[in-house]
Structure formats: structure tokens, C-alpha cells
Amino acid sequence: MANPEFIYLASQSPRRRQLLEQLGVPHRLLLPNTDGDLGEDAEAIEAVLPGEAPATYVQRVTGLKLDAALARLKRRGLPVAPVLCSDTTVALGRQIFGKPDDAAHARRMLAELSGQTHRVLTAVALQKGRKRVAALSTSKVTFAELTPARIKAYVDSGEPMGKAGAYAVQGRAAAWISQLSGSYSGIMGLPMFETAELLRQCGWKL
């Protein structure tokens, strides 16, 4: 049986697009309208529940994002195709680091991650018809000690904004990483191994 012509990627991340292209998977974006889709509240979807563990959180949020994307697909009357969703969070112990609210928040996050080993958790979910499959990638990243001046210069570059944990592994922050174990692509936002496995489970030939 031949592959579908394409899949929908429900993510605004250019890094996820790049990684899907690396796998050779044709895709179209399935994003909320810029003025907001009826019934979609991104902030509510990403809110952390009291006492929620990072792994539970990132998998729950990914499932909610996939639900929202499927509703969007139906509402817009678009051609049916598999839908892929992913979400990444950074965790120091049980503390969850999402995207920074502003520059001051980004500086505080990076100061806490300085000299520490943290986890990067990326959940992926794929739905084809009624079948939903999901996976979780967990990596560990160790930062060198960061001076306030170094943190300020990095935040002033604008790179941390919109990134979980206030840094981009493929950007300037790579110079601080003394040790990394796990999935580099998972830290970027879409773990290639797990994503390929989910596609295969839904009958996609890679």
C-alpha cells in the first residue's frame, strides 16, 4: 500500500519542519489562525496542573494539541491525512521550564540551569483515521557554569524566546553544553527515531 501524499504537521516550529524534511516526509502545516481559532486556547492547553510530573505534562499537552489540530482539520473541511503533533519541555528535577514569558524570565531560567544537568522531554503523537500512536523521548543536557553577563548577552540576542528552557540546542547555547545524552533531534523538538517508528506503525514506508 502506497504512502499517503502528505501528513499534516500541527506545529509552528521551523526546526520540526526541517527534521520532517530530513526524514523525507512530505507535509503541510495545520496551524491555528493568527487571530485565534474558535475554541482553541494555546495558553490553557499548555498550563501545568498542580503536582504534575514533567513526562505526564508533556504527553498530556501533546495529546491536547493533537485533539485541537484534528478539530481544526474537520472545521476547515481540509483533505483527510495523518496529523503529527509534538511538544517539548525542559525539566530540572520535577520543575517544568516552558517558554519564557519575557527577557527577565529567560534570564532567571538560564541562571537556574547554569552548572546543572536537566532533562529535555519531547512527546510525539500521530493520528491516522481512528488510530493514534504516541512516544516520548527523554534526553539529558549538562550546562557549564554561566555568568550573568553571558546569560544577558544570550537573552539580548533574542534566541531564547519561544524556546522551552529558554535556549536552542542548535544555536549559540551549544557552546555551553558540556555533556549531552539522548536524542539531539528530540532536544531540537522532533525525535527522529521515535517519529519514524510512529510513521511505520501507521503504515508509512520510510
N, C-alpha and C. Protein backbone atom coordinates (compact mmCIF):
# COMPACT_ATOMS: atom_id res chain seq x y z
N MET A 1 0.85 -1.19 0.00
CA MET A 1 0.00 0.00 0.00
C MET A 1 0.89 1.25 0.00
N ALA A 2 0.59 2.20 -0.87
CA ALA A 2 1.41 3.40 -1.00
C ALA A 2 1.20 4.34 0.18
N ASN A 3 2.21 5.16 0.44
CA ASN A 3 2.08 6.18 1.48
C ASN A 3 1.00 7.19 1.09
N PRO A 4 0.36 7.84 2.10
CA PRO A 4 -0.48 8.99 1.77
C PRO A 4 0.40 10.05 1.07
N GLU A 5 -0.22 10.99 0.39
CA GLU A 5 0.56 12.01 -0.33
C GLU A 5 1.36 12.89 0.63
N PHE A 6 0.80 13.10 1.83
CA PHE A 6 1.46 14.00 2.79
C PHE A 6 0.89 13.74 4.18
N ILE A 7 1.52 14.35 5.18
CA ILE A 7 0.91 14.38 6.51
C ILE A 7 0.77 15.85 6.92
N TYR A 8 -0.08 16.09 7.89
CA TYR A 8 -0.19 17.44 8.45
C TYR A 8 0.75 17.54 9.65
N LEU A 9 1.47 18.65 9.72
CA LEU A 9 2.30 18.94 10.89
C LEU A 9 1.64 20.09 11.64
N ALA A 10 1.17 19.81 12.85
CA ALA A 10 0.49 20.83 13.64
C ALA A 10 1.51 21.50 14.57
N SER A 11 2.44 22.24 13.98
CA SER A 11 3.49 22.92 14.75
C SER A 11 4.01 24.11 13.96
N GLN A 12 4.27 25.20 14.70
CA GLN A 12 4.81 26.39 14.05
C GLN A 12 6.34 26.37 14.01
N SER A 13 6.95 25.34 14.58
CA SER A 13 8.40 25.29 14.71
C SER A 13 9.09 25.01 13.37
N PRO A 14 9.95 25.91 12.90
CA PRO A 14 10.70 25.65 11.67
C PRO A 14 11.66 24.47 11.83
N ARG A 15 12.09 24.20 13.07
CA ARG A 15 13.01 23.08 13.31
C ARG A 15 12.30 21.75 13.09
N ARG A 16 11.03 21.68 13.50
CA ARG A 16 10.28 20.43 13.27
C ARG A 16 10.06 20.20 11.78
N ARG A 17 9.81 21.26 11.05
CA ARG A 17 9.65 21.14 9.59
C ARG A 17 10.94 20.61 8.97
N GLN A 18 12.04 21.18 9.41
CA GLN A 18 13.36 20.78 8.89
C GLN A 18 13.64 19.30 9.17
N LEU A 19 13.28 18.85 10.37
CA LEU A 19 13.53 17.45 10.73
C LEU A 19 12.63 16.50 9.95
N LEU A 20 11.38 16.90 9.72
CA LEU A 20 10.48 16.07 8.90
C LEU A 20 11.01 15.97 7.47
N GLU A 21 11.52 17.09 6.96
CA GLU A 21 12.11 17.09 5.61
C GLU A 21 13.31 16.16 5.56
N GLN A 22 14.06 16.11 6.65
CA GLN A 22 15.23 15.22 6.72
C GLN A 22 14.81 13.76 6.60
N LEU A 23 13.61 13.45 7.15
CA LEU A 23 13.08 12.08 7.04
C LEU A 23 12.48 11.82 5.65
N GLY A 24 12.34 12.87 4.85
CA GLY A 24 11.77 12.72 3.52
C GLY A 24 10.26 12.56 3.53
N VAL A 25 9.61 13.19 4.54
CA VAL A 25 8.15 13.07 4.66
C VAL A 25 7.49 14.36 4.16
N PRO A 26 6.72 14.29 3.05
CA PRO A 26 6.00 15.48 2.57
C PRO A 26 4.96 15.90 3.61
N HIS A 27 4.86 17.20 3.85
CA HIS A 27 3.91 17.64 4.87
C HIS A 27 3.35 19.02 4.56
N ARG A 28 2.20 19.27 5.17
CA ARG A 28 1.57 20.59 5.11
C ARG A 28 1.35 21.05 6.54
N LEU A 29 1.41 22.36 6.76
CA LEU A 29 1.19 22.88 8.11
C LEU A 29 -0.31 22.97 8.40
N LEU A 30 -0.65 22.66 9.64
CA LEU A 30 -2.03 22.75 10.10
C LEU A 30 -2.02 23.60 11.37
N LEU A 31 -2.06 24.91 11.18
CA LEU A 31 -1.86 25.85 12.29
C LEU A 31 -3.13 26.61 12.62
N PRO A 32 -3.24 27.09 13.87
CA PRO A 32 -4.39 27.94 14.21
C PRO A 32 -4.32 29.23 13.39
N ASN A 33 -5.47 29.85 13.17
CA ASN A 33 -5.48 31.16 12.52
C ASN A 33 -4.73 32.15 13.38
N THR A 34 -4.13 33.15 12.76
CA THR A 34 -3.36 34.14 13.53
C THR A 34 -4.27 34.91 14.50
N ASP A 35 -5.55 35.06 14.15
CA ASP A 35 -6.47 35.77 15.03
C ASP A 35 -7.15 34.82 16.02
N GLY A 36 -6.69 33.54 16.04
CA GLY A 36 -7.21 32.58 17.01
C GLY A 36 -8.39 31.81 16.47
N ASP A 37 -8.33 30.50 16.58
CA ASP A 37 -9.43 29.65 16.15
C ASP A 37 -10.44 29.52 17.28
N LEU A 38 -11.70 29.45 16.92
CA LEU A 38 -12.78 29.30 17.89
C LEU A 38 -12.52 28.06 18.75
N GLY A 39 -12.56 28.25 20.05
CA GLY A 39 -12.43 27.11 20.95
C GLY A 39 -10.99 26.66 21.19
N GLU A 40 -10.01 27.37 20.61
CA GLU A 40 -8.61 26.99 20.83
C GLU A 40 -7.94 28.01 21.74
N ASP A 41 -7.39 27.53 22.83
CA ASP A 41 -6.71 28.39 23.79
C ASP A 41 -5.35 27.76 24.09
N ALA A 42 -4.34 28.24 23.37
CA ALA A 42 -3.00 27.65 23.49
C ALA A 42 -2.48 27.74 24.92
N GLU A 43 -2.73 28.87 25.59
CA GLU A 43 -2.23 29.04 26.96
C GLU A 43 -2.88 28.03 27.91
N ALA A 44 -4.18 27.79 27.72
CA ALA A 44 -4.88 26.82 28.58
C ALA A 44 -4.35 25.41 28.33
N ILE A 45 -4.08 25.10 27.05
CA ILE A 45 -3.56 23.77 26.71
C ILE A 45 -2.22 23.53 27.39
N GLU A 46 -1.37 24.57 27.44
CA GLU A 46 -0.01 24.41 27.96
C GLU A 46 0.10 24.64 29.46
N ALA A 47 -1.01 24.93 30.13
CA ALA A 47 -0.97 25.15 31.58
C ALA A 47 -0.59 23.86 32.31
N VAL A 48 0.28 24.01 33.30
CA VAL A 48 0.73 22.86 34.10
C VAL A 48 -0.26 22.62 35.23
N LEU A 49 -0.66 21.36 35.41
CA LEU A 49 -1.57 21.01 36.51
C LEU A 49 -0.78 20.91 37.82
N PRO A 50 -1.40 21.19 38.96
CA PRO A 50 -0.68 21.12 40.24
C PRO A 50 -0.05 19.74 40.47
N GLY A 51 1.23 19.73 40.79
CA GLY A 51 1.93 18.49 41.11
C GLY A 51 2.21 17.59 39.92
N GLU A 52 1.98 18.09 38.70
CA GLU A 52 2.12 17.25 37.51
C GLU A 52 3.60 16.98 37.19
N ALA A 53 3.93 15.72 36.94
CA ALA A 53 5.31 15.34 36.59
C ALA A 53 5.59 15.79 35.16
N PRO A 54 6.86 16.16 34.86
CA PRO A 54 7.20 16.64 33.52
C PRO A 54 6.80 15.69 32.39
N ALA A 55 7.05 14.38 32.56
CA ALA A 55 6.72 13.41 31.50
C ALA A 55 5.22 13.34 31.27
N THR A 56 4.45 13.35 32.37
CA THR A 56 2.99 13.33 32.27
C THR A 56 2.50 14.59 31.57
N TYR A 57 3.08 15.72 31.97
CA TYR A 57 2.69 17.02 31.40
C TYR A 57 2.89 17.06 29.89
N VAL A 58 4.09 16.73 29.44
CA VAL A 58 4.41 16.91 28.01
C VAL A 58 3.59 15.96 27.14
N GLN A 59 3.30 14.76 27.66
CA GLN A 59 2.47 13.82 26.89
C GLN A 59 1.00 14.27 26.86
N ARG A 60 0.53 14.79 27.98
CA ARG A 60 -0.86 15.28 28.02
C ARG A 60 -1.05 16.47 27.08
N VAL A 61 -0.11 17.42 27.12
CA VAL A 61 -0.20 18.60 26.26
C VAL A 61 -0.14 18.22 24.78
N THR A 62 0.71 17.27 24.45
CA THR A 62 0.80 16.82 23.05
C THR A 62 -0.53 16.22 22.58
N GLY A 63 -1.16 15.43 23.44
CA GLY A 63 -2.46 14.86 23.11
C GLY A 63 -3.53 15.93 22.92
N LEU A 64 -3.50 16.95 23.77
CA LEU A 64 -4.47 18.06 23.64
C LEU A 64 -4.22 18.84 22.36
N LYS A 65 -2.96 19.04 22.02
CA LYS A 65 -2.63 19.76 20.78
C LYS A 65 -3.09 18.97 19.56
N LEU A 66 -2.95 17.65 19.64
CA LEU A 66 -3.40 16.80 18.52
C LEU A 66 -4.93 16.84 18.41
N ASP A 67 -5.63 16.80 19.55
CA ASP A 67 -7.09 16.92 19.54
C ASP A 67 -7.51 18.24 18.86
N ALA A 68 -6.83 19.33 19.24
CA ALA A 68 -7.16 20.65 18.67
C ALA A 68 -6.89 20.68 17.17
N ALA A 69 -5.80 20.04 16.74
CA ALA A 69 -5.45 20.01 15.32
C ALA A 69 -6.47 19.21 14.51
N LEU A 70 -6.93 18.09 15.06
CA LEU A 70 -7.93 17.27 14.38
C LEU A 70 -9.26 18.02 14.24
N ALA A 71 -9.63 18.75 15.29
CA ALA A 71 -10.86 19.56 15.25
C ALA A 71 -10.72 20.66 14.19
N ARG A 72 -9.53 21.26 14.12
CA ARG A 72 -9.23 22.31 13.13
C ARG A 72 -9.36 21.76 11.71
N LEU A 73 -8.83 20.56 11.50
CA LEU A 73 -8.88 19.90 10.19
C LEU A 73 -10.33 19.69 9.75
N LYS A 74 -11.13 19.19 10.68
CA LYS A 74 -12.55 18.93 10.38
C LYS A 74 -13.31 20.23 10.13
N ARG A 75 -13.03 21.22 10.98
CA ARG A 75 -13.73 22.51 10.88
C ARG A 75 -13.45 23.19 9.55
N ARG A 76 -12.23 23.05 9.05
CA ARG A 76 -11.84 23.72 7.80
C ARG A 76 -12.20 22.90 6.56
N GLY A 77 -12.64 21.67 6.77
CA GLY A 77 -13.02 20.84 5.63
C GLY A 77 -11.84 20.51 4.72
N LEU A 78 -10.67 20.33 5.30
CA LEU A 78 -9.46 20.04 4.51
C LEU A 78 -9.39 18.56 4.15
N PRO A 79 -8.58 18.22 3.14
CA PRO A 79 -8.41 16.80 2.78
C PRO A 79 -7.91 16.00 3.97
N VAL A 80 -8.39 14.79 4.11
CA VAL A 80 -8.00 13.93 5.23
C VAL A 80 -6.59 13.40 5.01
N ALA A 81 -5.76 13.44 6.05
CA ALA A 81 -4.39 12.90 6.03
C ALA A 81 -3.95 12.73 7.47
N PRO A 82 -2.92 11.91 7.72
CA PRO A 82 -2.43 11.76 9.09
C PRO A 82 -1.99 13.11 9.67
N VAL A 83 -2.14 13.26 11.00
CA VAL A 83 -1.76 14.51 11.67
C VAL A 83 -0.70 14.20 12.72
N LEU A 84 0.39 14.98 12.69
CA LEU A 84 1.51 14.80 13.62
C LEU A 84 1.61 16.01 14.53
N CYS A 85 1.80 15.73 15.81
CA CYS A 85 1.93 16.78 16.83
C CYS A 85 3.11 16.47 17.73
N SER A 86 3.74 17.51 18.26
CA SER A 86 4.87 17.30 19.16
C SER A 86 4.95 18.45 20.15
N ASP A 87 5.48 18.16 21.33
CA ASP A 87 5.68 19.22 22.33
C ASP A 87 6.94 18.91 23.12
N THR A 88 7.68 19.95 23.45
CA THR A 88 8.95 19.78 24.18
C THR A 88 8.92 20.58 25.47
N THR A 89 9.43 19.98 26.54
CA THR A 89 9.59 20.73 27.78
C THR A 89 10.95 20.41 28.38
N VAL A 90 11.44 21.34 29.17
CA VAL A 90 12.71 21.17 29.89
C VAL A 90 12.38 21.01 31.37
N ALA A 91 13.03 20.08 32.03
CA ALA A 91 12.74 19.82 33.44
C ALA A 91 14.03 19.76 34.26
N LEU A 92 14.02 20.47 35.37
CA LEU A 92 15.11 20.39 36.36
C LEU A 92 14.49 19.75 37.59
N GLY A 93 14.79 18.46 37.78
CA GLY A 93 14.05 17.70 38.79
C GLY A 93 12.60 17.59 38.32
N ARG A 94 11.67 17.99 39.18
CA ARG A 94 10.25 17.98 38.80
C ARG A 94 9.77 19.35 38.33
N GLN A 95 10.69 20.33 38.34
CA GLN A 95 10.33 21.68 37.92
C GLN A 95 10.30 21.77 36.39
N ILE A 96 9.18 22.26 35.87
CA ILE A 96 8.99 22.35 34.41
C ILE A 96 9.34 23.75 33.92
N PHE A 97 10.18 23.79 32.89
CA PHE A 97 10.57 25.05 32.26
C PHE A 97 9.96 25.09 30.86
N GLY A 98 8.94 25.91 30.70
CA GLY A 98 8.34 26.08 29.38
C GLY A 98 9.04 27.20 28.62
N LYS A 99 8.29 27.89 27.78
CA LYS A 99 8.85 29.02 27.02
C LYS A 99 8.85 30.25 27.93
N PRO A 100 9.90 31.05 27.88
CA PRO A 100 9.95 32.24 28.75
C PRO A 100 8.89 33.27 28.37
N ASP A 101 8.36 33.95 29.39
CA ASP A 101 7.35 34.99 29.16
C ASP A 101 7.99 36.26 28.61
N ASP A 102 9.21 36.55 29.06
CA ASP A 102 9.91 37.76 28.63
C ASP A 102 11.40 37.57 28.90
N ALA A 103 12.19 38.60 28.63
CA ALA A 103 13.65 38.51 28.77
C ALA A 103 14.06 38.22 30.23
N ALA A 104 13.40 38.86 31.18
CA ALA A 104 13.75 38.64 32.60
C ALA A 104 13.49 37.19 32.99
N HIS A 105 12.39 36.64 32.52
CA HIS A 105 12.05 35.24 32.80
C HIS A 105 13.09 34.31 32.17
N ALA A 106 13.52 34.61 30.95
CA ALA A 106 14.54 33.81 30.27
C ALA A 106 15.85 33.83 31.06
N ARG A 107 16.23 35.00 31.58
CA ARG A 107 17.47 35.11 32.37
C ARG A 107 17.38 34.27 33.63
N ARG A 108 16.22 34.30 34.30
CA ARG A 108 16.04 33.51 35.53
C ARG A 108 16.15 32.01 35.22
N MET A 109 15.51 31.57 34.14
CA MET A 109 15.57 30.15 33.76
C MET A 109 17.01 29.72 33.55
N LEU A 110 17.73 30.48 32.75
CA LEU A 110 19.11 30.10 32.40
C LEU A 110 20.01 30.12 33.63
N ALA A 111 19.76 31.04 34.56
CA ALA A 111 20.54 31.08 35.80
C ALA A 111 20.31 29.81 36.61
N GLU A 112 19.07 29.30 36.60
CA GLU A 112 18.77 28.06 37.32
C GLU A 112 19.38 26.84 36.64
N LEU A 113 19.45 26.85 35.31
CA LEU A 113 20.01 25.72 34.57
C LEU A 113 21.55 25.72 34.58
N SER A 114 22.14 26.87 34.88
CA SER A 114 23.60 27.02 34.89
C SER A 114 24.27 26.00 35.81
N GLY A 115 25.24 25.27 35.26
CA GLY A 115 26.01 24.30 36.04
C GLY A 115 25.24 23.05 36.42
N GLN A 116 24.04 22.87 35.87
CA GLN A 116 23.17 21.75 36.25
C GLN A 116 22.94 20.79 35.07
N THR A 117 22.51 19.59 35.40
CA THR A 117 22.05 18.64 34.37
C THR A 117 20.53 18.63 34.40
N HIS A 118 19.94 18.91 33.26
CA HIS A 118 18.48 18.91 33.17
C HIS A 118 18.02 17.90 32.12
N ARG A 119 16.73 17.63 32.11
CA ARG A 119 16.15 16.72 31.12
C ARG A 119 15.38 17.53 30.07
N VAL A 120 15.43 17.04 28.84
CA VAL A 120 14.58 17.59 27.78
C VAL A 120 13.64 16.47 27.34
N LEU A 121 12.35 16.71 27.49
CA LEU A 121 11.35 15.69 27.16
C LEU A 121 10.54 16.16 25.96
N THR A 122 10.51 15.33 24.93
CA THR A 122 9.70 15.64 23.75
C THR A 122 8.74 14.50 23.50
N ALA A 123 7.46 14.82 23.52
CA ALA A 123 6.41 13.84 23.22
C ALA A 123 5.97 14.03 21.78
N VAL A 124 5.67 12.94 21.10
CA VAL A 124 5.19 12.96 19.72
C VAL A 124 3.92 12.12 19.65
N ALA A 125 2.94 12.59 18.91
CA ALA A 125 1.71 11.82 18.71
C ALA A 125 1.28 11.95 17.25
N LEU A 126 0.81 10.84 16.70
CA LEU A 126 0.39 10.79 15.29
C LEU A 126 -0.97 10.12 15.22
N GLN A 127 -1.89 10.74 14.49
CA GLN A 127 -3.20 10.11 14.30
C GLN A 127 -3.48 9.91 12.81
N LYS A 128 -3.87 8.67 12.49
CA LYS A 128 -4.29 8.33 11.13
C LYS A 128 -5.63 7.64 11.25
N GLY A 129 -6.69 8.30 10.76
CA GLY A 129 -8.03 7.76 10.96
C GLY A 129 -8.35 7.69 12.43
N ARG A 130 -8.73 6.51 12.91
CA ARG A 130 -9.04 6.36 14.34
C ARG A 130 -7.84 5.91 15.16
N LYS A 131 -6.75 5.62 14.46
CA LYS A 131 -5.57 5.09 15.15
C LYS A 131 -4.66 6.23 15.62
N ARG A 132 -4.36 6.22 16.93
CA ARG A 132 -3.42 7.20 17.49
C ARG A 132 -2.26 6.47 18.13
N VAL A 133 -1.06 6.88 17.79
CA VAL A 133 0.15 6.31 18.38
C VAL A 133 0.98 7.45 18.96
N ALA A 134 1.74 7.16 20.01
CA ALA A 134 2.49 8.21 20.69
C ALA A 134 3.79 7.66 21.24
N ALA A 135 4.75 8.55 21.45
CA ALA A 135 6.05 8.16 22.00
C ALA A 135 6.63 9.33 22.79
N LEU A 136 7.59 9.00 23.65
CA LEU A 136 8.26 10.02 24.46
C LEU A 136 9.77 9.85 24.35
N SER A 137 10.46 10.94 24.08
CA SER A 137 11.93 10.94 24.03
C SER A 137 12.45 11.75 25.21
N THR A 138 13.39 11.17 25.97
CA THR A 138 13.97 11.87 27.11
C THR A 138 15.48 11.95 26.95
N SER A 139 16.03 13.15 27.04
CA SER A 139 17.48 13.36 26.92
C SER A 139 17.98 14.12 28.13
N LYS A 140 19.28 14.03 28.37
CA LYS A 140 19.89 14.77 29.48
C LYS A 140 20.94 15.73 28.92
N VAL A 141 20.92 16.96 29.44
CA VAL A 141 21.84 18.00 28.97
C VAL A 141 22.50 18.64 30.19
N THR A 142 23.82 18.76 30.16
CA THR A 142 24.56 19.43 31.24
C THR A 142 25.12 20.75 30.74
N PHE A 143 24.78 21.82 31.45
CA PHE A 143 25.29 23.15 31.13
C PHE A 143 26.54 23.45 31.96
N ALA A 144 27.48 24.16 31.38
CA ALA A 144 28.60 24.73 32.13
C ALA A 144 28.07 25.85 33.02
N GLU A 145 28.91 26.34 33.93
CA GLU A 145 28.51 27.50 34.75
C GLU A 145 28.41 28.72 33.83
N LEU A 146 27.33 29.46 33.96
CA LEU A 146 27.09 30.62 33.11
C LEU A 146 27.16 31.90 33.94
N THR A 147 27.93 32.86 33.50
CA THR A 147 27.99 34.14 34.21
C THR A 147 26.75 34.97 33.85
N PRO A 148 26.35 35.89 34.74
CA PRO A 148 25.22 36.77 34.43
C PRO A 148 25.43 37.54 33.13
N ALA A 149 26.67 37.94 32.84
CA ALA A 149 26.94 38.69 31.61
C ALA A 149 26.71 37.82 30.38
N ARG A 150 27.11 36.56 30.47
CA ARG A 150 26.94 35.64 29.34
C ARG A 150 25.45 35.38 29.11
N ILE A 151 24.73 35.18 30.22
CA ILE A 151 23.28 34.95 30.11
C ILE A 151 22.60 36.17 29.49
N LYS A 152 22.96 37.36 29.96
CA LYS A 152 22.33 38.59 29.44
C LYS A 152 22.60 38.74 27.94
N ALA A 153 23.84 38.50 27.52
CA ALA A 153 24.18 38.64 26.10
C ALA A 153 23.37 37.66 25.25
N TYR A 154 23.19 36.44 25.77
CA TYR A 154 22.43 35.44 25.02
C TYR A 154 20.96 35.83 24.92
N VAL A 155 20.39 36.27 26.04
CA VAL A 155 18.98 36.68 26.03
C VAL A 155 18.79 37.89 25.13
N ASP A 156 19.74 38.82 25.15
CA ASP A 156 19.66 40.01 24.29
C ASP A 156 19.69 39.66 22.81
N SER A 157 20.23 38.49 22.48
CA SER A 157 20.26 38.06 21.07
C SER A 157 18.88 37.68 20.56
N GLY A 158 17.95 37.43 21.49
CA GLY A 158 16.58 37.06 21.12
C GLY A 158 16.37 35.57 20.90
N GLU A 159 17.46 34.80 20.86
CA GLU A 159 17.34 33.37 20.56
C GLU A 159 16.50 32.58 21.57
N PRO A 160 16.55 32.91 22.86
CA PRO A 160 15.80 32.09 23.83
C PRO A 160 14.28 32.19 23.73
N MET A 161 13.78 33.27 23.13
CA MET A 161 12.33 33.48 23.14
C MET A 161 11.62 32.43 22.28
N GLY A 162 10.54 31.89 22.84
CA GLY A 162 9.79 30.86 22.12
C GLY A 162 10.39 29.47 22.24
N LYS A 163 11.45 29.32 23.06
CA LYS A 163 12.12 28.02 23.22
C LYS A 163 11.90 27.49 24.63
N ALA A 164 11.55 26.21 24.75
CA ALA A 164 11.42 25.59 26.07
C ALA A 164 12.78 25.65 26.78
N GLY A 165 12.77 26.08 28.03
CA GLY A 165 14.02 26.19 28.78
C GLY A 165 14.84 27.41 28.40
N ALA A 166 14.35 28.23 27.50
CA ALA A 166 14.99 29.49 27.08
C ALA A 166 16.32 29.28 26.36
N TYR A 167 16.44 28.17 25.60
CA TYR A 167 17.65 28.02 24.78
C TYR A 167 17.38 27.12 23.59
N ALA A 168 18.24 27.26 22.58
CA ALA A 168 18.15 26.43 21.37
C ALA A 168 19.44 25.62 21.26
N VAL A 169 19.31 24.29 21.28
CA VAL A 169 20.49 23.42 21.25
C VAL A 169 21.29 23.61 19.95
N GLN A 170 20.58 23.96 18.85
CA GLN A 170 21.23 24.11 17.57
C GLN A 170 21.76 25.53 17.36
N GLY A 171 21.61 26.37 18.41
CA GLY A 171 22.05 27.76 18.30
C GLY A 171 23.29 28.03 19.14
N ARG A 172 23.39 29.26 19.62
CA ARG A 172 24.59 29.70 20.36
C ARG A 172 24.77 28.96 21.69
N ALA A 173 23.65 28.47 22.25
CA ALA A 173 23.73 27.78 23.55
C ALA A 173 24.53 26.48 23.45
N ALA A 174 24.77 25.98 22.24
CA ALA A 174 25.57 24.75 22.08
C ALA A 174 26.95 24.90 22.72
N ALA A 175 27.45 26.13 22.79
CA ALA A 175 28.78 26.39 23.36
C ALA A 175 28.81 26.15 24.87
N TRP A 176 27.64 26.04 25.50
CA TRP A 176 27.59 25.84 26.96
C TRP A 176 27.42 24.38 27.34
N ILE A 177 27.08 23.54 26.38
CA ILE A 177 26.71 22.16 26.70
C ILE A 177 27.95 21.29 26.86
N SER A 178 28.25 20.90 28.09
CA SER A 178 29.45 20.10 28.34
C SER A 178 29.17 18.61 28.13
N GLN A 179 27.90 18.23 28.27
CA GLN A 179 27.54 16.81 28.08
C GLN A 179 26.10 16.70 27.61
N LEU A 180 25.87 15.74 26.73
CA LEU A 180 24.52 15.51 26.20
C LEU A 180 24.34 14.02 25.99
N SER A 181 23.25 13.47 26.51
CA SER A 181 22.95 12.06 26.24
C SER A 181 21.48 11.94 25.85
N GLY A 182 21.23 11.19 24.81
CA GLY A 182 19.86 11.04 24.34
C GLY A 182 19.73 11.38 22.88
N SER A 183 18.68 12.10 22.53
CA SER A 183 18.35 12.39 21.13
C SER A 183 18.55 13.87 20.84
N TYR A 184 19.53 14.17 19.99
CA TYR A 184 19.78 15.57 19.61
C TYR A 184 18.54 16.14 18.90
N SER A 185 17.96 15.35 17.99
CA SER A 185 16.77 15.83 17.27
C SER A 185 15.58 15.99 18.22
N GLY A 186 15.54 15.13 19.26
CA GLY A 186 14.49 15.26 20.28
C GLY A 186 14.62 16.57 21.03
N ILE A 187 15.85 16.97 21.33
CA ILE A 187 16.09 18.24 22.02
C ILE A 187 15.70 19.41 21.10
N MET A 188 15.92 19.24 19.80
CA MET A 188 15.51 20.27 18.83
C MET A 188 14.00 20.38 18.74
N GLY A 189 13.28 19.28 19.04
CA GLY A 189 11.83 19.37 19.03
C GLY A 189 11.08 18.25 18.34
N LEU A 190 11.81 17.35 17.64
CA LEU A 190 11.14 16.23 16.98
C LEU A 190 12.11 15.05 16.91
N PRO A 191 12.00 14.10 17.85
CA PRO A 191 12.94 12.97 17.86
C PRO A 191 12.76 12.09 16.62
N MET A 192 13.81 12.01 15.82
CA MET A 192 13.72 11.33 14.52
C MET A 192 13.40 9.85 14.66
N PHE A 193 14.06 9.16 15.58
CA PHE A 193 13.86 7.72 15.74
C PHE A 193 12.40 7.42 16.10
N GLU A 194 11.91 8.09 17.15
CA GLU A 194 10.54 7.85 17.62
C GLU A 194 9.51 8.23 16.55
N THR A 195 9.76 9.36 15.87
CA THR A 195 8.82 9.81 14.83
C THR A 195 8.75 8.81 13.69
N ALA A 196 9.91 8.31 13.28
CA ALA A 196 9.96 7.31 12.20
C ALA A 196 9.20 6.04 12.61
N GLU A 197 9.36 5.64 13.88
CA GLU A 197 8.66 4.45 14.37
C GLU A 197 7.13 4.65 14.34
N LEU A 198 6.67 5.82 14.75
CA LEU A 198 5.23 6.10 14.73
C LEU A 198 4.69 6.08 13.30
N LEU A 199 5.44 6.66 12.37
CA LEU A 199 5.02 6.67 10.97
C LEU A 199 4.92 5.23 10.45
N ARG A 200 5.89 4.40 10.80
CA ARG A 200 5.86 2.99 10.37
C ARG A 200 4.65 2.27 10.96
N GLN A 201 4.36 2.55 12.24
CA GLN A 201 3.20 1.92 12.89
C GLN A 201 1.89 2.27 12.18
N CYS A 202 1.87 3.43 11.51
CA CYS A 202 0.67 3.85 10.77
C CYS A 202 0.80 3.49 9.28
N GLY A 203 1.75 2.61 8.97
CA GLY A 203 1.85 2.09 7.60
C GLY A 203 2.68 2.92 6.65
N TRP A 204 3.40 3.93 7.17
CA TRP A 204 4.23 4.77 6.29
C TRP A 204 5.55 4.05 6.01
N LYS A 205 5.92 3.99 4.75
CA LYS A 205 7.21 3.37 4.38
C LYS A 205 8.25 4.45 4.25
N LEU A 206 9.30 4.36 5.07
CA LEU A 206 10.38 5.34 5.05
C LEU A 206 11.56 4.79 4.25
